[in-house]
Amino acid sequence: MIAAICDDDEIFRKEIKTFLINYKTGHRLHIDILEFEDGNSLLNCKELFDIVFLDYQMPNLNGMETARILRSRKNICSIIFITSFPEFMIEAFEVNTYRFLIKPLDTIKLSKDIDCFVKDKKMFSPIVVNVYGEQIVISSEDIIYLEGSGKYCNIRTINNTVQSSKTLAGVLKLLPQHCFFRTHKSYAINLYCIVSIKDDFITLNNGEKAKISRNRMSDFKKAYKDFIKHFNTRV
């Protein structure tokens, strides 16, 4: 995920950047963050952004003008407008605005906005694991579950199973926190892959079952409830 923060207020840019750094650490997501002090510098950047935090009121080229140029280039990034003037919101829908961020920064609202963005875009960080001396890149979206095997970890994906030289805990540290949960000392599952839950067993979308240990049941129920509320897109 690549994020741009475009605001002539350096202090406010730093606030958003700090928030994003904390968010990506807490959710184990990969976010590259670039800062711009005006619309022209943003437009001159060749990077393809996933999300742009765009100040409405900037000198020379304001946020709306910048957004119009982005859209004229067929740029499909999600735009979150930053403003102290909520009355401009109707105009902003012209450029397919994703969200609005009112100054001063409300970190609780911003956290919810980014949660929604991750859910809508299904942002998953790829991981790199060492498999018999070879570096393998695996999309975390393709992982159904992890199974600990001594000092190794079996990674079950949609297509196959690979054995990493890392432990289960070591691999789990690389994965997005919002959708991976350790249900047992030997298992961690992708919450997106749950089909059903009965007693202390979870049926996954490949037909296999994973056990929930009794001492993790309460934490699992809470984690899955939060996941369903904030991230699950199934109807």
C-alpha atoms as a PDB file:
ATOM      1  CA  MET A   1       0.000   0.000   0.000  1.00  0.00           C
ATOM      2  CA  ILE A   2       1.333   3.410  -0.992  1.00  0.00           C
ATOM      3  CA  ALA A   3      -0.037   6.532   0.698  1.00  0.00           C
ATOM      4  CA  ALA A   4       0.499  10.204  -0.153  1.00  0.00           C
ATOM      5  CA  ILE A   5      -0.015  13.082   2.264  1.00  0.00           C
ATOM      6  CA  CYS A   6      -0.380  16.411   0.464  1.00  0.00           C
ATOM      7  CA  ASP A   7      -0.742  19.409   2.778  1.00  0.00           C
ATOM      8  CA  ASP A   8       1.124  22.699   3.057  1.00  0.00           C
ATOM      9  CA  ASP A   9       0.973  22.394   6.849  1.00  0.00           C
ATOM     10  CA  GLU A  10       4.090  20.403   7.785  1.00  0.00           C
ATOM     11  CA  ILE A  11       2.919  19.770  11.355  1.00  0.00           C
ATOM     12  CA  PHE A  12      -0.356  18.271  10.167  1.00  0.00           C
ATOM     13  CA  ARG A  13       1.461  16.126   7.598  1.00  0.00           C
ATOM     14  CA  LYS A  14       3.630  14.742  10.392  1.00  0.00           C
ATOM     15  CA  GLU A  15       0.539  13.985  12.493  1.00  0.00           C
ATOM     16  CA  ILE A  16      -0.995  11.879   9.733  1.00  0.00           C
ATOM     17  CA  LYS A  17       2.334  10.198   8.964  1.00  0.00           C
ATOM     18  CA  THR A  18       2.818   9.270  12.621  1.00  0.00           C
ATOM     19  CA  PHE A  19      -0.697   7.864  12.723  1.00  0.00           C
ATOM     20  CA  LEU A  20      -0.096   5.740   9.606  1.00  0.00           C
ATOM     21  CA  ILE A  21       3.208   4.423  10.963  1.00  0.00           C
ATOM     22  CA  ASN A  22       1.486   3.348  14.186  1.00  0.00           C
ATOM     23  CA  TYR A  23      -1.436   1.874  12.243  1.00  0.00           C
ATOM     24  CA  LYS A  24       0.725  -0.224   9.931  1.00  0.00           C
ATOM     25  CA  THR A  25       2.769  -1.496  12.887  1.00  0.00           C
ATOM     26  CA  GLY A  26      -0.334  -2.440  14.864  1.00  0.00           C
ATOM     27  CA  HIS A  27      -2.029  -4.141  11.904  1.00  0.00           C
ATOM     28  CA  ARG A  28       1.111  -5.653  10.334  1.00  0.00           C
ATOM     29  CA  LEU A  29       0.452  -3.938   7.025  1.00  0.00           C
ATOM     30  CA  HIS A  30       3.031  -2.575   4.638  1.00  0.00           C
ATOM     31  CA  ILE A  31       2.488   1.137   3.980  1.00  0.00           C
ATOM     32  CA  ASP A  32       4.935   3.351   2.091  1.00  0.00           C
ATOM     33  CA  ILE A  33       4.278   6.999   2.975  1.00  0.00           C
ATOM     34  CA  LEU A  34       5.263   9.974   0.816  1.00  0.00           C
ATOM     35  CA  GLU A  35       4.797  13.632   1.789  1.00  0.00           C
ATOM     36  CA  PHE A  36       4.079  16.611  -0.492  1.00  0.00           C
ATOM     37  CA  GLU A  37       3.709  20.269   0.439  1.00  0.00           C
ATOM     38  CA  ASP A  38       1.615  21.272  -2.584  1.00  0.00           C
ATOM     39  CA  GLY A  39      -0.508  19.877  -5.395  1.00  0.00           C
ATOM     40  CA  ASN A  40       2.097  20.396  -8.099  1.00  0.00           C
ATOM     41  CA  SER A  41       4.712  18.258  -6.347  1.00  0.00           C
ATOM     42  CA  LEU A  42       2.130  15.503  -5.873  1.00  0.00           C
ATOM     43  CA  LEU A  43       1.153  15.614  -9.556  1.00  0.00           C
ATOM     44  CA  ASN A  44       4.804  15.530 -10.624  1.00  0.00           C
ATOM     45  CA  CYS A  45       5.381  12.287  -8.724  1.00  0.00           C
ATOM     46  CA  LYS A  46       5.259   9.181 -10.918  1.00  0.00           C
ATOM     47  CA  GLU A  47       4.252   6.868  -8.060  1.00  0.00           C
ATOM     48  CA  LEU A  48       0.862   5.135  -8.274  1.00  0.00           C
ATOM     49  CA  PHE A  49      -0.832   5.790  -4.943  1.00  0.00           C
ATOM     50  CA  ASP A  50      -3.479   3.637  -3.321  1.00  0.00           C
ATOM     51  CA  ILE A  51      -4.685   6.441  -1.054  1.00  0.00           C
ATOM     52  CA  VAL A  52      -4.114  10.202  -1.038  1.00  0.00           C
ATOM     53  CA  PHE A  53      -4.681  12.531   1.912  1.00  0.00           C
ATOM     54  CA  LEU A  54      -5.306  15.832   0.150  1.00  0.00           C
ATOM     55  CA  ASP A  55      -5.636  19.246   1.769  1.00  0.00           C
ATOM     56  CA  TYR A  56      -8.459  21.261   0.234  1.00  0.00           C
ATOM     57  CA  GLN A  57      -6.970  24.701   0.890  1.00  0.00           C
ATOM     58  CA  MET A  58      -3.425  25.044  -0.498  1.00  0.00           C
ATOM     59  CA  PRO A  59      -1.665  27.934  -2.277  1.00  0.00           C
ATOM     60  CA  ASN A  60      -1.406  27.982  -6.094  1.00  0.00           C
ATOM     61  CA  LEU A  61      -3.160  24.677  -6.790  1.00  0.00           C
ATOM     62  CA  ASN A  62      -5.867  23.813  -4.282  1.00  0.00           C
ATOM     63  CA  GLY A  63      -7.033  20.313  -3.397  1.00  0.00           C
ATOM     64  CA  MET A  64     -10.028  20.234  -5.745  1.00  0.00           C
ATOM     65  CA  GLU A  65      -7.956  21.336  -8.730  1.00  0.00           C
ATOM     66  CA  THR A  66      -5.316  18.747  -7.854  1.00  0.00           C
ATOM     67  CA  ALA A  67      -7.956  16.032  -7.534  1.00  0.00           C
ATOM     68  CA  ARG A  68      -9.516  16.966 -10.895  1.00  0.00           C
ATOM     69  CA  ILE A  69      -6.133  16.586 -12.595  1.00  0.00           C
ATOM     70  CA  LEU A  70      -5.571  13.224 -10.875  1.00  0.00           C
ATOM     71  CA  ARG A  71      -8.932  11.983 -12.134  1.00  0.00           C
ATOM     72  CA  SER A  72      -8.317  13.345 -15.646  1.00  0.00           C
ATOM     73  CA  ARG A  73      -5.275  11.053 -15.730  1.00  0.00           C
ATOM     74  CA  LYS A  74      -7.531   8.101 -14.901  1.00  0.00           C
ATOM     75  CA  ASN A  75      -5.937   7.826 -11.469  1.00  0.00           C
ATOM     76  CA  ILE A  76      -8.166   5.578  -9.364  1.00  0.00           C
ATOM     77  CA  CYS A  77      -6.555   6.246  -5.962  1.00  0.00           C
ATOM     78  CA  SER A  78      -8.849   6.758  -2.998  1.00  0.00           C
ATOM     79  CA  ILE A  79      -8.902  10.419  -1.949  1.00  0.00           C
ATOM     80  CA  ILE A  80      -9.418  11.548   1.627  1.00  0.00           C
ATOM     81  CA  PHE A  81      -9.864  15.316   1.660  1.00  0.00           C
ATOM     82  CA  ILE A  82      -8.413  17.273   4.569  1.00  0.00           C
ATOM     83  CA  THR A  83     -10.289  20.456   5.330  1.00  0.00           C
ATOM     84  CA  SER A  84     -11.301  23.041   7.906  1.00  0.00           C
ATOM     85  CA  PHE A  85     -14.291  23.955   5.706  1.00  0.00           C
ATOM     86  CA  PRO A  86     -16.894  21.162   5.692  1.00  0.00           C
ATOM     87  CA  GLU A  87     -19.181  23.193   3.426  1.00  0.00           C
ATOM     88  CA  PHE A  88     -17.119  22.255   0.365  1.00  0.00           C
ATOM     89  CA  MET A  89     -17.977  18.550   0.701  1.00  0.00           C
ATOM     90  CA  ILE A  90     -20.744  18.581  -1.928  1.00  0.00           C
ATOM     91  CA  GLU A  91     -18.306  19.901  -4.534  1.00  0.00           C
ATOM     92  CA  ALA A  92     -15.783  17.211  -3.562  1.00  0.00           C
ATOM     93  CA  PHE A  93     -18.065  14.359  -4.618  1.00  0.00           C
ATOM     94  CA  GLU A  94     -17.359  15.419  -8.208  1.00  0.00           C
ATOM     95  CA  VAL A  95     -13.977  13.655  -7.946  1.00  0.00           C
ATOM     96  CA  ASN A  96     -15.312  10.513  -6.266  1.00  0.00           C
ATOM     97  CA  THR A  97     -14.041  11.371  -2.788  1.00  0.00           C
ATOM     98  CA  TYR A  98     -13.583   8.407  -0.446  1.00  0.00           C
ATOM     99  CA  ARG A  99     -13.728  10.196   2.925  1.00  0.00           C
ATOM    100  CA  PHE A 100     -13.283  13.578   4.610  1.00  0.00           C
ATOM    101  CA  LEU A 101     -10.898  14.446   7.417  1.00  0.00           C
ATOM    102  CA  ILE A 102     -11.768  17.568   9.381  1.00  0.00           C
ATOM    103  CA  LYS A 103      -9.017  19.505  11.141  1.00  0.00           C
ATOM    104  CA  PRO A 104      -7.916  19.126  13.903  1.00  0.00           C
ATOM    105  CA  LEU A 105      -7.063  15.465  13.459  1.00  0.00           C
ATOM    106  CA  ASP A 106      -9.534  12.992  14.949  1.00  0.00           C
ATOM    107  CA  THR A 107      -7.476   9.791  15.219  1.00  0.00           C
ATOM    108  CA  ILE A 108     -10.490   7.666  16.204  1.00  0.00           C
ATOM    109  CA  LYS A 109     -12.361   8.625  13.029  1.00  0.00           C
ATOM    110  CA  LEU A 110      -9.227   8.262  10.920  1.00  0.00           C
ATOM    111  CA  SER A 111      -8.643   4.780  12.313  1.00  0.00           C
ATOM    112  CA  LYS A 112     -12.175   3.794  11.290  1.00  0.00           C
ATOM    113  CA  ASP A 113     -11.642   5.304   7.835  1.00  0.00           C
ATOM    114  CA  ILE A 114      -8.452   3.296   7.304  1.00  0.00           C
ATOM    115  CA  ASP A 115     -10.162   0.156   8.625  1.00  0.00           C
ATOM    116  CA  CYS A 116     -12.828   0.658   5.942  1.00  0.00           C
ATOM    117  CA  PHE A 117     -10.181   1.256   3.285  1.00  0.00           C
ATOM    118  CA  VAL A 118      -8.322  -1.944   4.182  1.00  0.00           C
ATOM    119  CA  LYS A 119     -11.632  -3.815   4.127  1.00  0.00           C
ATOM    120  CA  ASP A 120     -12.763  -2.342   0.805  1.00  0.00           C
ATOM    121  CA  LYS A 121      -9.423  -2.845  -0.924  1.00  0.00           C
ATOM    122  CA  LYS A 122      -8.582  -6.109   0.852  1.00  0.00           C
ATOM    123  CA  MET A 123      -5.040  -4.951   1.504  1.00  0.00           C
ATOM    124  CA  PHE A 124      -2.737  -7.867   2.194  1.00  0.00           C
ATOM    125  CA  SER A 125       1.026  -7.690   2.533  1.00  0.00           C
ATOM    126  CA  PRO A 126       3.051 -10.379   0.757  1.00  0.00           C
ATOM    127  CA  ILE A 127       5.574 -12.196   2.935  1.00  0.00           C
ATOM    128  CA  VAL A 128       8.946 -13.683   2.064  1.00  0.00           C
ATOM    129  CA  VAL A 129       9.829 -17.023   3.649  1.00  0.00           C
ATOM    130  CA  ASN A 130      12.875 -19.260   3.413  1.00  0.00           C
ATOM    131  CA  VAL A 131      11.898 -22.656   2.024  1.00  0.00           C
ATOM    132  CA  TYR A 132      14.829 -25.091   1.852  1.00  0.00           C
ATOM    133  CA  GLY A 133      17.232 -22.227   1.200  1.00  0.00           C
ATOM    134  CA  GLU A 134      15.038 -20.550  -1.420  1.00  0.00           C
ATOM    135  CA  GLN A 135      13.303 -17.208  -0.827  1.00  0.00           C
ATOM    136  CA  ILE A 136       9.595 -17.630  -1.630  1.00  0.00           C
ATOM    137  CA  VAL A 137       7.103 -14.749  -1.884  1.00  0.00           C
ATOM    138  CA  ILE A 138       3.609 -15.642  -0.668  1.00  0.00           C
ATOM    139  CA  SER A 139       0.565 -13.391  -0.733  1.00  0.00           C
ATOM    140  CA  SER A 140      -0.925 -13.418   2.753  1.00  0.00           C
ATOM    141  CA  GLU A 141      -4.351 -13.387   1.105  1.00  0.00           C
ATOM    142  CA  ASP A 142      -3.622 -16.895  -0.233  1.00  0.00           C
ATOM    143  CA  ILE A 143      -2.762 -18.341   3.191  1.00  0.00           C
ATOM    144  CA  ILE A 144      -5.523 -20.426   4.756  1.00  0.00           C
ATOM    145  CA  TYR A 145      -3.711 -21.466   7.913  1.00  0.00           C
ATOM    146  CA  LEU A 146      -0.322 -22.004   9.540  1.00  0.00           C
ATOM    147  CA  GLU A 147       0.669 -25.199  11.326  1.00  0.00           C
ATOM    148  CA  GLY A 148       3.591 -25.341  13.697  1.00  0.00           C
ATOM    149  CA  SER A 149       5.989 -28.240  13.229  1.00  0.00           C
ATOM    150  CA  GLY A 150       8.728 -27.969  15.840  1.00  0.00           C
ATOM    151  CA  LYS A 151      11.087 -25.183  14.787  1.00  0.00           C
ATOM    152  CA  TYR A 152       9.420 -25.028  11.357  1.00  0.00           C
ATOM    153  CA  CYS A 153       6.046 -23.821  10.112  1.00  0.00           C
ATOM    154  CA  ASN A 154       3.858 -25.371   7.426  1.00  0.00           C
ATOM    155  CA  ILE A 155       2.085 -22.664   5.435  1.00  0.00           C
ATOM    156  CA  ARG A 156      -1.123 -23.956   3.827  1.00  0.00           C
ATOM    157  CA  THR A 157      -2.135 -21.833   0.854  1.00  0.00           C
ATOM    158  CA  ILE A 158      -4.910 -22.106  -1.716  1.00  0.00           C
ATOM    159  CA  ASN A 159      -2.680 -24.123  -4.036  1.00  0.00           C
ATOM    160  CA  ASN A 160      -0.125 -25.967  -1.920  1.00  0.00           C
ATOM    161  CA  THR A 161       1.747 -26.295   1.366  1.00  0.00           C
ATOM    162  CA  VAL A 162       5.267 -24.986   1.939  1.00  0.00           C
ATOM    163  CA  GLN A 163       7.489 -25.406   4.977  1.00  0.00           C
ATOM    164  CA  SER A 164       9.171 -22.278   6.268  1.00  0.00           C
ATOM    165  CA  SER A 165      12.388 -22.290   8.255  1.00  0.00           C
ATOM    166  CA  LYS A 166      10.700 -19.896  10.707  1.00  0.00           C
ATOM    167  CA  THR A 167       8.542 -21.034  13.616  1.00  0.00           C
ATOM    168  CA  LEU A 168       4.774 -20.537  13.593  1.00  0.00           C
ATOM    169  CA  ALA A 169       5.205 -17.478  15.837  1.00  0.00           C
ATOM    170  CA  GLY A 170       7.876 -16.131  13.512  1.00  0.00           C
ATOM    171  CA  VAL A 171       5.670 -16.382  10.417  1.00  0.00           C
ATOM    172  CA  LEU A 172       2.648 -15.040  12.273  1.00  0.00           C
ATOM    173  CA  LYS A 173       4.575 -11.871  13.132  1.00  0.00           C
ATOM    174  CA  LEU A 174       4.849 -11.138   9.400  1.00  0.00           C
ATOM    175  CA  LEU A 175       1.122 -11.387   8.700  1.00  0.00           C
ATOM    176  CA  PRO A 176      -1.687  -8.793   8.968  1.00  0.00           C
ATOM    177  CA  GLN A 177      -2.988  -8.724  12.519  1.00  0.00           C
ATOM    178  CA  HIS A 178      -6.573  -7.967  11.550  1.00  0.00           C
ATOM    179  CA  CYS A 179      -7.218 -11.318   9.865  1.00  0.00           C
ATOM    180  CA  PHE A 180      -4.816 -13.909  11.336  1.00  0.00           C
ATOM    181  CA  PHE A 181      -5.443 -15.457  14.743  1.00  0.00           C
ATOM    182  CA  ARG A 182      -3.625 -18.172  16.676  1.00  0.00           C
ATOM    183  CA  THR A 183      -6.392 -20.583  17.677  1.00  0.00           C
ATOM    184  CA  HIS A 184      -4.088 -23.220  19.164  1.00  0.00           C
ATOM    185  CA  LYS A 185      -0.426 -23.530  20.112  1.00  0.00           C
ATOM    186  CA  SER A 186       0.106 -25.312  16.785  1.00  0.00           C
ATOM    187  CA  TYR A 187      -2.341 -23.445  14.527  1.00  0.00           C
ATOM    188  CA  ALA A 188      -3.091 -19.946  13.268  1.00  0.00           C
ATOM    189  CA  ILE A 189      -5.855 -19.300  10.755  1.00  0.00           C
ATOM    190  CA  ASN A 190      -6.901 -16.659   8.259  1.00  0.00           C
ATOM    191  CA  LEU A 191     -10.235 -15.358   9.535  1.00  0.00           C
ATOM    192  CA  TYR A 192     -11.363 -14.679   5.978  1.00  0.00           C
ATOM    193  CA  CYS A 193     -11.250 -18.439   5.364  1.00  0.00           C
ATOM    194  CA  ILE A 194     -13.714 -19.449   8.076  1.00  0.00           C
ATOM    195  CA  VAL A 195     -16.808 -21.232   6.752  1.00  0.00           C
ATOM    196  CA  SER A 196     -18.346 -22.353  10.031  1.00  0.00           C
ATOM    197  CA  ILE A 197     -17.654 -22.726  13.742  1.00  0.00           C
ATOM    198  CA  LYS A 198     -19.000 -25.600  15.819  1.00  0.00           C
ATOM    199  CA  ASP A 199     -18.000 -26.257  19.416  1.00  0.00           C
ATOM    200  CA  ASP A 200     -14.210 -25.970  19.434  1.00  0.00           C
ATOM    201  CA  PHE A 201     -13.628 -26.631  15.726  1.00  0.00           C
ATOM    202  CA  ILE A 202     -13.472 -24.249  12.771  1.00  0.00           C
ATOM    203  CA  THR A 203     -14.208 -25.424   9.241  1.00  0.00           C
ATOM    204  CA  LEU A 204     -12.105 -23.612   6.659  1.00  0.00           C
ATOM    205  CA  ASN A 205     -12.912 -22.926   3.018  1.00  0.00           C
ATOM    206  CA  ASN A 206     -10.697 -25.779   1.787  1.00  0.00           C
ATOM    207  CA  GLY A 207     -12.716 -28.268   3.857  1.00  0.00           C
ATOM    208  CA  GLU A 208     -10.084 -28.727   6.569  1.00  0.00           C
ATOM    209  CA  LYS A 209     -10.763 -28.145  10.248  1.00  0.00           C
ATOM    210  CA  ALA A 210      -8.767 -26.266  12.869  1.00  0.00           C
ATOM    211  CA  LYS A 211      -9.115 -26.651  16.617  1.00  0.00           C
ATOM    212  CA  ILE A 212      -9.678 -23.756  19.030  1.00  0.00           C
ATOM    213  CA  SER A 213      -8.013 -24.439  22.361  1.00  0.00           C
ATOM    214  CA  ARG A 214     -10.141 -23.765  25.434  1.00  0.00           C
ATOM    215  CA  ASN A 215      -7.822 -21.133  26.853  1.00  0.00           C
ATOM    216  CA  ARG A 216      -8.004 -19.162  23.571  1.00  0.00           C
ATOM    217  CA  MET A 217     -11.763 -19.461  23.022  1.00  0.00           C
ATOM    218  CA  SER A 218     -12.714 -16.195  24.710  1.00  0.00           C
ATOM    219  CA  ASP A 219     -10.040 -14.206  22.871  1.00  0.00           C
ATOM    220  CA  PHE A 220     -10.990 -15.876  19.599  1.00  0.00           C
ATOM    221  CA  LYS A 221     -14.675 -14.991  19.970  1.00  0.00           C
ATOM    222  CA  LYS A 222     -13.798 -11.366  20.631  1.00  0.00           C
ATOM    223  CA  ALA A 223     -11.298 -11.211  17.751  1.00  0.00           C
ATOM    224  CA  TYR A 224     -13.733 -12.817  15.309  1.00  0.00           C
ATOM    225  CA  LYS A 225     -16.582 -10.546  16.392  1.00  0.00           C
ATOM    226  CA  ASP A 226     -14.370  -7.498  15.784  1.00  0.00           C
ATOM    227  CA  PHE A 227     -13.269  -8.941  12.441  1.00  0.00           C
ATOM    228  CA  ILE A 228     -16.850  -9.512  11.290  1.00  0.00           C
ATOM    229  CA  LYS A 229     -17.780  -5.989  12.332  1.00  0.00           C
ATOM    230  CA  HIS A 230     -14.885  -4.151  10.716  1.00  0.00           C
ATOM    231  CA  PHE A 231     -13.410  -6.293   7.961  1.00  0.00           C
ATOM    232  CA  ASN A 232     -15.534  -9.176   6.733  1.00  0.00           C
ATOM    233  CA  THR A 233     -17.137  -8.406   3.352  1.00  0.00           C
ATOM    234  CA  ARG A 234     -19.305 -11.509   3.040  1.00  0.00           C
ATOM    235  CA  VAL A 235     -23.068 -10.943   2.991  1.00  0.00           C
END
